[in-house]
Amino acid sequence: MDKQYNPKDVEQKLYKWWEDNQYFRPSDEKSKKTFTIVIPPPNITGKLHMGHALNNTIQDILIRYKRLKGFKALWLPGCDHAGIATHAVVEKQLASEGTNRYELGRKAFVKRVWEWKEEYGNTIMHQLRRLGSALDWTRERFTMDSGLSKAVQKVFIDLYNQGLIYKGKYIVNWCPGCNTAISNIETEHSEKKSSLWYIKYPVIKSPKDKNKQNIPDFVIVATTRPETMLGDTAIAINPKDKRFKNIKDLKIKLPLAER
């Protein structure tokens, strides 16, 4: 007998035995209560990290506990296509071949995404097995499966028709390569030395205002983005700041635009 426990000699064989015998597949007994967890689908573009390991361990404990309590317990495995990240990877492949998604066309591009998923996207599924996760692999899903895509479309349309989902007007991150908006977590920030630009906004005084004291001729705004000035519609002031208390509700002129 070995002096030390070697997981390589035991764990993979044991897990394969579990999977081959479908021990994690819920029974068909209708009398039993059901308990289900849909795994938060990890992105196929990456690998599992310590956060995934902790999260999945907690889910694994819950599923096994419920199964021991007599529930029909299902832990549903799957992964996310990670649209923009996968898109970028496949686009790089196409560029190396001297083509792009526009020349390829939508159907052919989607086919390439699927090919990429089959070749590189199964790393996470192997990692989940190595963790010993009690997942029902007979029900494994991918977010680009036709059934899941139709379900997502239906939910979004239903929510829109109910007035529960809508387009908002706010600043987004724009990817000039993909020509689409991307989330904050998909951006890489870098610090750069810049300059502060000081812009004078002339205060428009009526005849009665001109006789008042302490009304400045202009308001100075400092900014690192002077180009956004053309979209300005107002200047916000602190009403408690003595420098600005006399210009509240007055009009100002937008420099250059004379608006």
C-alpha atoms as a PDB file:
ATOM      1  CA  MET A   1       0.000   0.000   0.000  1.00  0.00           C
ATOM      2  CA  ASP A   2       1.346   3.440  -0.940  1.00  0.00           C
ATOM      3  CA  LYS A   3       2.478   5.653   1.904  1.00  0.00           C
ATOM      4  CA  GLN A   4       0.620   8.638   0.463  1.00  0.00           C
ATOM      5  CA  TYR A   5      -2.769   8.947  -1.167  1.00  0.00           C
ATOM      6  CA  ASN A   6      -2.429   9.593  -4.921  1.00  0.00           C
ATOM      7  CA  PRO A   7      -5.668  11.037  -6.346  1.00  0.00           C
ATOM      8  CA  LYS A   8      -4.614  10.194  -9.915  1.00  0.00           C
ATOM      9  CA  ASP A   9      -4.837   6.473  -9.115  1.00  0.00           C
ATOM     10  CA  VAL A  10      -8.398   6.721  -7.789  1.00  0.00           C
ATOM     11  CA  GLU A  11     -10.457   9.789  -8.651  1.00  0.00           C
ATOM     12  CA  GLN A  12     -10.697   9.642 -12.452  1.00  0.00           C
ATOM     13  CA  LYS A  13     -11.541   5.914 -12.469  1.00  0.00           C
ATOM     14  CA  LEU A  14     -14.138   6.408  -9.763  1.00  0.00           C
ATOM     15  CA  TYR A  15     -15.744   9.371 -11.494  1.00  0.00           C
ATOM     16  CA  LYS A  16     -15.920   7.492 -14.811  1.00  0.00           C
ATOM     17  CA  TRP A  17     -17.687   4.655 -12.994  1.00  0.00           C
ATOM     18  CA  TRP A  18     -20.173   7.141 -11.522  1.00  0.00           C
ATOM     19  CA  GLU A  19     -20.790   8.717 -14.926  1.00  0.00           C
ATOM     20  CA  ASP A  20     -21.047   5.417 -16.843  1.00  0.00           C
ATOM     21  CA  ASN A  21     -23.661   4.184 -14.369  1.00  0.00           C
ATOM     22  CA  GLN A  22     -25.532   7.542 -14.435  1.00  0.00           C
ATOM     23  CA  TYR A  23     -25.553   7.802 -10.650  1.00  0.00           C
ATOM     24  CA  PHE A  24     -26.176  11.555 -10.904  1.00  0.00           C
ATOM     25  CA  ARG A  25     -29.259  11.170 -13.115  1.00  0.00           C
ATOM     26  CA  PRO A  26     -32.512  11.672 -11.167  1.00  0.00           C
ATOM     27  CA  SER A  27     -34.852   8.691 -10.933  1.00  0.00           C
ATOM     28  CA  ASP A  28     -38.194   8.580 -12.780  1.00  0.00           C
ATOM     29  CA  GLU A  29     -40.204   8.135  -9.570  1.00  0.00           C
ATOM     30  CA  LYS A  30     -43.108  10.614  -9.697  1.00  0.00           C
ATOM     31  CA  SER A  31     -43.783  10.356  -5.970  1.00  0.00           C
ATOM     32  CA  LYS A  32     -40.498  11.994  -4.997  1.00  0.00           C
ATOM     33  CA  LYS A  33     -40.011  15.727  -4.456  1.00  0.00           C
ATOM     34  CA  THR A  34     -37.734  17.441  -6.937  1.00  0.00           C
ATOM     35  CA  PHE A  35     -34.748  19.711  -6.377  1.00  0.00           C
ATOM     36  CA  THR A  36     -32.833  21.315  -9.256  1.00  0.00           C
ATOM     37  CA  ILE A  37     -29.805  23.553  -9.674  1.00  0.00           C
ATOM     38  CA  VAL A  38     -28.855  24.919 -13.087  1.00  0.00           C
ATOM     39  CA  ILE A  39     -25.108  25.474 -13.001  1.00  0.00           C
ATOM     40  CA  PRO A  40     -24.203  29.152 -13.604  1.00  0.00           C
ATOM     41  CA  PRO A  41     -22.731  28.439 -17.046  1.00  0.00           C
ATOM     42  CA  PRO A  42     -19.009  29.210 -17.247  1.00  0.00           C
ATOM     43  CA  ASN A  43     -17.721  30.762 -20.477  1.00  0.00           C
ATOM     44  CA  ILE A  44     -16.198  28.353 -22.986  1.00  0.00           C
ATOM     45  CA  THR A  45     -13.413  30.855 -23.699  1.00  0.00           C
ATOM     46  CA  GLY A  46     -11.756  30.358 -20.321  1.00  0.00           C
ATOM     47  CA  LYS A  47     -10.872  27.856 -17.635  1.00  0.00           C
ATOM     48  CA  LEU A  48     -12.242  27.351 -14.145  1.00  0.00           C
ATOM     49  CA  HIS A  49     -10.571  29.323 -11.368  1.00  0.00           C
ATOM     50  CA  MET A  50     -10.744  29.180  -7.558  1.00  0.00           C
ATOM     51  CA  GLY A  51     -14.015  31.132  -7.555  1.00  0.00           C
ATOM     52  CA  HIS A  52     -15.649  28.497  -9.749  1.00  0.00           C
ATOM     53  CA  ALA A  53     -14.241  25.729  -7.548  1.00  0.00           C
ATOM     54  CA  LEU A  54     -15.748  27.292  -4.408  1.00  0.00           C
ATOM     55  CA  ASN A  55     -19.100  28.029  -6.057  1.00  0.00           C
ATOM     56  CA  ASN A  56     -19.399  24.553  -7.570  1.00  0.00           C
ATOM     57  CA  THR A  57     -18.380  22.868  -4.312  1.00  0.00           C
ATOM     58  CA  ILE A  58     -21.281  24.574  -2.527  1.00  0.00           C
ATOM     59  CA  GLN A  59     -23.715  23.475  -5.257  1.00  0.00           C
ATOM     60  CA  ASP A  60     -22.293  19.957  -5.130  1.00  0.00           C
ATOM     61  CA  ILE A  61     -22.867  19.769  -1.366  1.00  0.00           C
ATOM     62  CA  LEU A  62     -26.480  20.970  -1.753  1.00  0.00           C
ATOM     63  CA  ILE A  63     -27.262  18.461  -4.515  1.00  0.00           C
ATOM     64  CA  ARG A  64     -25.748  15.521  -2.645  1.00  0.00           C
ATOM     65  CA  TYR A  65     -27.509  16.548   0.583  1.00  0.00           C
ATOM     66  CA  LYS A  66     -30.898  16.759  -1.145  1.00  0.00           C
ATOM     67  CA  ARG A  67     -30.319  13.389  -2.834  1.00  0.00           C
ATOM     68  CA  LEU A  68     -29.558  11.827   0.560  1.00  0.00           C
ATOM     69  CA  LYS A  69     -32.792  13.385   1.885  1.00  0.00           C
ATOM     70  CA  GLY A  70     -34.757  11.471  -0.757  1.00  0.00           C
ATOM     71  CA  PHE A  71     -35.235  14.192  -3.378  1.00  0.00           C
ATOM     72  CA  LYS A  72     -34.998  13.678  -7.131  1.00  0.00           C
ATOM     73  CA  ALA A  73     -32.000  15.978  -7.322  1.00  0.00           C
ATOM     74  CA  LEU A  74     -30.796  17.364 -10.650  1.00  0.00           C
ATOM     75  CA  TRP A  75     -27.680  19.466 -11.113  1.00  0.00           C
ATOM     76  CA  LEU A  76     -27.771  20.561 -14.741  1.00  0.00           C
ATOM     77  CA  PRO A  77     -24.381  21.090 -16.439  1.00  0.00           C
ATOM     78  CA  GLY A  78     -23.683  23.460 -19.299  1.00  0.00           C
ATOM     79  CA  CYS A  79     -21.533  26.295 -20.550  1.00  0.00           C
ATOM     80  CA  ASP A  80     -22.051  29.742 -22.015  1.00  0.00           C
ATOM     81  CA  HIS A  81     -21.020  30.683 -25.540  1.00  0.00           C
ATOM     82  CA  ALA A  82     -19.629  34.008 -24.184  1.00  0.00           C
ATOM     83  CA  GLY A  83     -20.728  35.782 -27.352  1.00  0.00           C
ATOM     84  CA  ILE A  84     -18.270  38.635 -27.663  1.00  0.00           C
ATOM     85  CA  ALA A  85     -15.223  36.813 -26.280  1.00  0.00           C
ATOM     86  CA  THR A  86     -15.785  33.788 -28.548  1.00  0.00           C
ATOM     87  CA  HIS A  87     -16.607  36.099 -31.439  1.00  0.00           C
ATOM     88  CA  ALA A  88     -13.249  37.875 -30.999  1.00  0.00           C
ATOM     89  CA  VAL A  89     -11.296  34.607 -30.890  1.00  0.00           C
ATOM     90  CA  VAL A  90     -12.939  33.252 -34.047  1.00  0.00           C
ATOM     91  CA  GLU A  91     -12.477  36.626 -35.775  1.00  0.00           C
ATOM     92  CA  LYS A  92      -8.721  36.402 -35.072  1.00  0.00           C
ATOM     93  CA  GLN A  93      -8.665  32.933 -36.620  1.00  0.00           C
ATOM     94  CA  LEU A  94     -10.432  34.226 -39.725  1.00  0.00           C
ATOM     95  CA  ALA A  95      -8.055  37.201 -39.977  1.00  0.00           C
ATOM     96  CA  SER A  96      -5.071  34.827 -39.910  1.00  0.00           C
ATOM     97  CA  GLU A  97      -6.703  33.051 -42.870  1.00  0.00           C
ATOM     98  CA  GLY A  98      -7.111  36.321 -44.764  1.00  0.00           C
ATOM     99  CA  THR A  99     -10.890  36.536 -44.416  1.00  0.00           C
ATOM    100  CA  ASN A 100     -13.593  37.870 -42.038  1.00  0.00           C
ATOM    101  CA  ARG A 101     -17.149  37.203 -40.905  1.00  0.00           C
ATOM    102  CA  TYR A 102     -18.631  39.428 -43.613  1.00  0.00           C
ATOM    103  CA  GLU A 103     -17.000  37.454 -46.424  1.00  0.00           C
ATOM    104  CA  LEU A 104     -17.909  34.201 -44.693  1.00  0.00           C
ATOM    105  CA  GLY A 105     -21.585  35.051 -44.110  1.00  0.00           C
ATOM    106  CA  ARG A 106     -23.726  34.463 -41.022  1.00  0.00           C
ATOM    107  CA  LYS A 107     -24.344  30.713 -41.383  1.00  0.00           C
ATOM    108  CA  ALA A 108     -20.721  29.877 -42.105  1.00  0.00           C
ATOM    109  CA  PHE A 109     -19.536  32.091 -39.252  1.00  0.00           C
ATOM    110  CA  VAL A 110     -21.890  30.410 -36.754  1.00  0.00           C
ATOM    111  CA  LYS A 111     -20.618  27.046 -38.035  1.00  0.00           C
ATOM    112  CA  ARG A 112     -17.042  28.169 -37.288  1.00  0.00           C
ATOM    113  CA  VAL A 113     -18.070  29.186 -33.761  1.00  0.00           C
ATOM    114  CA  TRP A 114     -19.494  25.710 -33.201  1.00  0.00           C
ATOM    115  CA  GLU A 115     -16.288  24.131 -34.539  1.00  0.00           C
ATOM    116  CA  TRP A 116     -14.248  26.275 -32.155  1.00  0.00           C
ATOM    117  CA  LYS A 117     -16.478  25.242 -29.250  1.00  0.00           C
ATOM    118  CA  GLU A 118     -16.073  21.543 -30.048  1.00  0.00           C
ATOM    119  CA  GLU A 119     -12.284  21.867 -30.262  1.00  0.00           C
ATOM    120  CA  TYR A 120     -11.519  24.214 -27.350  1.00  0.00           C
ATOM    121  CA  GLY A 121     -14.690  24.538 -25.302  1.00  0.00           C
ATOM    122  CA  ASN A 122     -14.643  21.192 -23.502  1.00  0.00           C
ATOM    123  CA  THR A 123     -11.769  22.051 -21.134  1.00  0.00           C
ATOM    124  CA  ILE A 124     -14.208  23.306 -18.497  1.00  0.00           C
ATOM    125  CA  MET A 125     -16.326  20.153 -18.709  1.00  0.00           C
ATOM    126  CA  HIS A 126     -13.228  18.044 -17.998  1.00  0.00           C
ATOM    127  CA  GLN A 127     -12.318  20.323 -15.077  1.00  0.00           C
ATOM    128  CA  LEU A 128     -15.795  19.894 -13.573  1.00  0.00           C
ATOM    129  CA  ARG A 129     -15.371  16.138 -13.756  1.00  0.00           C
ATOM    130  CA  ARG A 130     -11.968  16.359 -12.063  1.00  0.00           C
ATOM    131  CA  LEU A 131     -13.657  18.295  -9.236  1.00  0.00           C
ATOM    132  CA  GLY A 132     -15.986  15.318  -8.740  1.00  0.00           C
ATOM    133  CA  SER A 133     -19.090  17.400  -9.471  1.00  0.00           C
ATOM    134  CA  ALA A 134     -22.344  15.406  -9.187  1.00  0.00           C
ATOM    135  CA  LEU A 135     -23.685  16.694 -12.526  1.00  0.00           C
ATOM    136  CA  ASP A 136     -26.134  14.830 -14.749  1.00  0.00           C
ATOM    137  CA  TRP A 137     -24.040  14.745 -17.935  1.00  0.00           C
ATOM    138  CA  THR A 138     -26.864  13.129 -19.907  1.00  0.00           C
ATOM    139  CA  ARG A 139     -28.551  16.555 -19.864  1.00  0.00           C
ATOM    140  CA  GLU A 140     -25.502  18.730 -20.682  1.00  0.00           C
ATOM    141  CA  ARG A 141     -26.496  21.950 -22.501  1.00  0.00           C
ATOM    142  CA  PHE A 142     -24.819  24.781 -24.372  1.00  0.00           C
ATOM    143  CA  THR A 143     -26.342  28.254 -24.620  1.00  0.00           C
ATOM    144  CA  MET A 144     -26.229  28.147 -28.436  1.00  0.00           C
ATOM    145  CA  ASP A 145     -28.389  25.008 -28.533  1.00  0.00           C
ATOM    146  CA  SER A 146     -31.466  25.742 -30.658  1.00  0.00           C
ATOM    147  CA  GLY A 147     -33.901  24.988 -27.833  1.00  0.00           C
ATOM    148  CA  LEU A 148     -32.136  27.326 -25.411  1.00  0.00           C
ATOM    149  CA  SER A 149     -31.848  30.112 -27.992  1.00  0.00           C
ATOM    150  CA  LYS A 150     -35.594  29.932 -28.699  1.00  0.00           C
ATOM    151  CA  ALA A 151     -36.364  29.943 -24.956  1.00  0.00           C
ATOM    152  CA  VAL A 152     -34.242  33.078 -24.444  1.00  0.00           C
ATOM    153  CA  GLN A 153     -35.939  34.816 -27.385  1.00  0.00           C
ATOM    154  CA  LYS A 154     -39.381  33.969 -26.008  1.00  0.00           C
ATOM    155  CA  VAL A 155     -38.571  35.251 -22.510  1.00  0.00           C
ATOM    156  CA  PHE A 156     -37.109  38.509 -23.816  1.00  0.00           C
ATOM    157  CA  ILE A 157     -40.090  39.110 -26.118  1.00  0.00           C
ATOM    158  CA  ASP A 158     -42.561  38.328 -23.316  1.00  0.00           C
ATOM    159  CA  LEU A 159     -40.760  40.675 -20.898  1.00  0.00           C
ATOM    160  CA  TYR A 160     -40.685  43.414 -23.553  1.00  0.00           C
ATOM    161  CA  ASN A 161     -44.407  43.021 -24.280  1.00  0.00           C
ATOM    162  CA  GLN A 162     -45.107  43.261 -20.536  1.00  0.00           C
ATOM    163  CA  GLY A 163     -43.108  46.491 -20.312  1.00  0.00           C
ATOM    164  CA  LEU A 164     -40.574  44.876 -17.976  1.00  0.00           C
ATOM    165  CA  ILE A 165     -37.589  45.209 -20.308  1.00  0.00           C
ATOM    166  CA  TYR A 166     -36.665  48.262 -22.324  1.00  0.00           C
ATOM    167  CA  LYS A 167     -33.804  50.154 -23.889  1.00  0.00           C
ATOM    168  CA  GLY A 168     -32.119  52.638 -21.588  1.00  0.00           C
ATOM    169  CA  LYS A 169     -30.068  55.682 -22.521  1.00  0.00           C
ATOM    170  CA  TYR A 170     -26.686  55.495 -20.841  1.00  0.00           C
ATOM    171  CA  ILE A 171     -23.001  55.483 -21.659  1.00  0.00           C
ATOM    172  CA  VAL A 172     -21.680  52.123 -22.868  1.00  0.00           C
ATOM    173  CA  ASN A 173     -18.296  50.710 -23.807  1.00  0.00           C
ATOM    174  CA  TRP A 174     -17.942  50.374 -27.579  1.00  0.00           C
ATOM    175  CA  CYS A 175     -15.664  47.844 -29.250  1.00  0.00           C
ATOM    176  CA  PRO A 176     -14.458  49.272 -32.595  1.00  0.00           C
ATOM    177  CA  GLY A 177     -13.277  45.822 -33.655  1.00  0.00           C
ATOM    178  CA  CYS A 178     -16.507  43.910 -33.026  1.00  0.00           C
ATOM    179  CA  ASN A 179     -18.716  46.952 -33.714  1.00  0.00           C
ATOM    180  CA  THR A 180     -20.851  46.274 -30.659  1.00  0.00           C
ATOM    181  CA  ALA A 181     -21.364  47.402 -27.072  1.00  0.00           C
ATOM    182  CA  ILE A 182     -19.469  45.452 -24.407  1.00  0.00           C
ATOM    183  CA  SER A 183     -19.873  45.214 -20.645  1.00  0.00           C
ATOM    184  CA  ASN A 184     -17.532  46.719 -18.050  1.00  0.00           C
ATOM    185  CA  ILE A 185     -16.019  43.329 -17.218  1.00  0.00           C
ATOM    186  CA  GLU A 186     -14.991  42.868 -20.854  1.00  0.00           C
ATOM    187  CA  THR A 187     -12.930  46.063 -20.936  1.00  0.00           C
ATOM    188  CA  GLU A 188      -9.274  46.483 -20.051  1.00  0.00           C
ATOM    189  CA  HIS A 189      -8.492  49.795 -18.369  1.00  0.00           C
ATOM    190  CA  SER A 190      -5.171  51.584 -18.693  1.00  0.00           C
ATOM    191  CA  GLU A 191      -3.968  54.791 -17.056  1.00  0.00           C
ATOM    192  CA  LYS A 192      -2.647  57.544 -19.305  1.00  0.00           C
ATOM    193  CA  LYS A 193      -1.278  61.002 -18.692  1.00  0.00           C
ATOM    194  CA  SER A 194      -3.719  63.606 -19.926  1.00  0.00           C
ATOM    195  CA  SER A 195      -4.477  67.323 -19.643  1.00  0.00           C
ATOM    196  CA  LEU A 196      -7.180  69.382 -17.996  1.00  0.00           C
ATOM    197  CA  TRP A 197      -8.919  71.773 -20.345  1.00  0.00           C
ATOM    198  CA  TYR A 198     -10.573  74.847 -18.832  1.00  0.00           C
ATOM    199  CA  ILE A 199     -13.593  76.069 -20.775  1.00  0.00           C
ATOM    200  CA  LYS A 200     -15.363  79.371 -20.139  1.00  0.00           C
ATOM    201  CA  TYR A 201     -19.143  79.236 -20.455  1.00  0.00           C
ATOM    202  CA  PRO A 202     -20.462  82.849 -20.750  1.00  0.00           C
ATOM    203  CA  VAL A 203     -23.343  83.677 -18.390  1.00  0.00           C
ATOM    204  CA  ILE A 204     -26.283  85.314 -20.187  1.00  0.00           C
ATOM    205  CA  LYS A 205     -27.453  88.278 -18.104  1.00  0.00           C
ATOM    206  CA  SER A 206     -30.773  90.031 -18.554  1.00  0.00           C
ATOM    207  CA  PRO A 207     -30.911  93.840 -18.041  1.00  0.00           C
ATOM    208  CA  LYS A 208     -32.070  93.373 -14.437  1.00  0.00           C
ATOM    209  CA  ASP A 209     -29.325  90.788 -13.783  1.00  0.00           C
ATOM    210  CA  LYS A 210     -26.630  93.177 -14.984  1.00  0.00           C
ATOM    211  CA  ASN A 211     -27.352  95.463 -12.065  1.00  0.00           C
ATOM    212  CA  LYS A 212     -26.862  92.638  -9.554  1.00  0.00           C
ATOM    213  CA  GLN A 213     -23.519  92.177  -7.906  1.00  0.00           C
ATOM    214  CA  ASN A 214     -21.469  88.981  -7.714  1.00  0.00           C
ATOM    215  CA  ILE A 215     -22.852  87.498 -10.930  1.00  0.00           C
ATOM    216  CA  PRO A 216     -19.815  86.261 -12.858  1.00  0.00           C
ATOM    217  CA  ASP A 217     -19.371  86.841 -16.573  1.00  0.00           C
ATOM    218  CA  PHE A 218     -18.652  83.175 -17.136  1.00  0.00           C
ATOM    219  CA  VAL A 219     -18.439  79.776 -15.448  1.00  0.00           C
ATOM    220  CA  ILE A 220     -15.226  77.781 -15.849  1.00  0.00           C
ATOM    221  CA  VAL A 221     -15.491  74.021 -16.258  1.00  0.00           C
ATOM    222  CA  ALA A 222     -12.382  71.800 -16.154  1.00  0.00           C
ATOM    223  CA  THR A 223     -12.494  68.584 -18.170  1.00  0.00           C
ATOM    224  CA  THR A 224     -10.212  65.938 -19.675  1.00  0.00           C
ATOM    225  CA  ARG A 225     -12.721  65.456 -22.506  1.00  0.00           C
ATOM    226  CA  PRO A 226     -13.296  68.830 -24.190  1.00  0.00           C
ATOM    227  CA  GLU A 227     -14.910  67.137 -27.215  1.00  0.00           C
ATOM    228  CA  THR A 228     -17.986  66.262 -25.153  1.00  0.00           C
ATOM    229  CA  MET A 229     -18.696  69.981 -24.685  1.00  0.00           C
ATOM    230  CA  LEU A 230     -20.716  70.065 -27.911  1.00  0.00           C
ATOM    231  CA  GLY A 231     -23.287  67.754 -26.349  1.00  0.00           C
ATOM    232  CA  ASP A 232     -23.724  69.803 -23.153  1.00  0.00           C
ATOM    233  CA  THR A 233     -27.256  70.837 -22.199  1.00  0.00           C
ATOM    234  CA  ALA A 234     -26.698  72.201 -18.681  1.00  0.00           C
ATOM    235  CA  ILE A 235     -24.157  72.844 -15.937  1.00  0.00           C
ATOM    236  CA  ALA A 236     -24.787  71.408 -12.492  1.00  0.00           C
ATOM    237  CA  ILE A 237     -23.802  73.580  -9.539  1.00  0.00           C
ATOM    238  CA  ASN A 238     -23.713  73.135  -5.799  1.00  0.00           C
ATOM    239  CA  PRO A 239     -26.358  75.564  -4.465  1.00  0.00           C
ATOM    240  CA  LYS A 240     -24.449  75.812  -1.179  1.00  0.00           C
ATOM    241  CA  ASP A 241     -21.294  77.005  -2.936  1.00  0.00           C
ATOM    242  CA  LYS A 242     -21.116  80.788  -2.508  1.00  0.00           C
ATOM    243  CA  ARG A 243     -19.384  81.190  -5.866  1.00  0.00           C
ATOM    244  CA  PHE A 244     -22.447  79.986  -7.734  1.00  0.00           C
ATOM    245  CA  LYS A 245     -25.432  80.930  -5.585  1.00  0.00           C
ATOM    246  CA  ASN A 246     -26.223  83.990  -7.758  1.00  0.00           C
ATOM    247  CA  ILE A 247     -26.301  82.156 -11.092  1.00  0.00           C
ATOM    248  CA  LYS A 248     -28.850  79.469 -10.219  1.00  0.00           C
ATOM    249  CA  ASP A 249     -31.456  79.162 -13.001  1.00  0.00           C
ATOM    250  CA  LEU A 250     -29.631  81.585 -15.296  1.00  0.00           C
ATOM    251  CA  LYS A 251     -28.819  80.656 -18.872  1.00  0.00           C
ATOM    252  CA  ILE A 252     -25.299  80.129 -20.177  1.00  0.00           C
ATOM    253  CA  LYS A 253     -23.954  80.064 -23.716  1.00  0.00           C
ATOM    254  CA  LEU A 254     -22.283  76.989 -25.150  1.00  0.00           C
ATOM    255  CA  PRO A 255     -18.898  78.039 -26.587  1.00  0.00           C
ATOM    256  CA  LEU A 256     -18.262  77.484 -30.315  1.00  0.00           C
ATOM    257  CA  ALA A 257     -21.831  76.259 -30.875  1.00  0.00           C
ATOM    258  CA  GLU A 258     -23.289  79.621 -29.731  1.00  0.00           C
ATOM    259  CA  ARG A 259     -26.247  77.679 -28.353  1.00  0.00           C
END
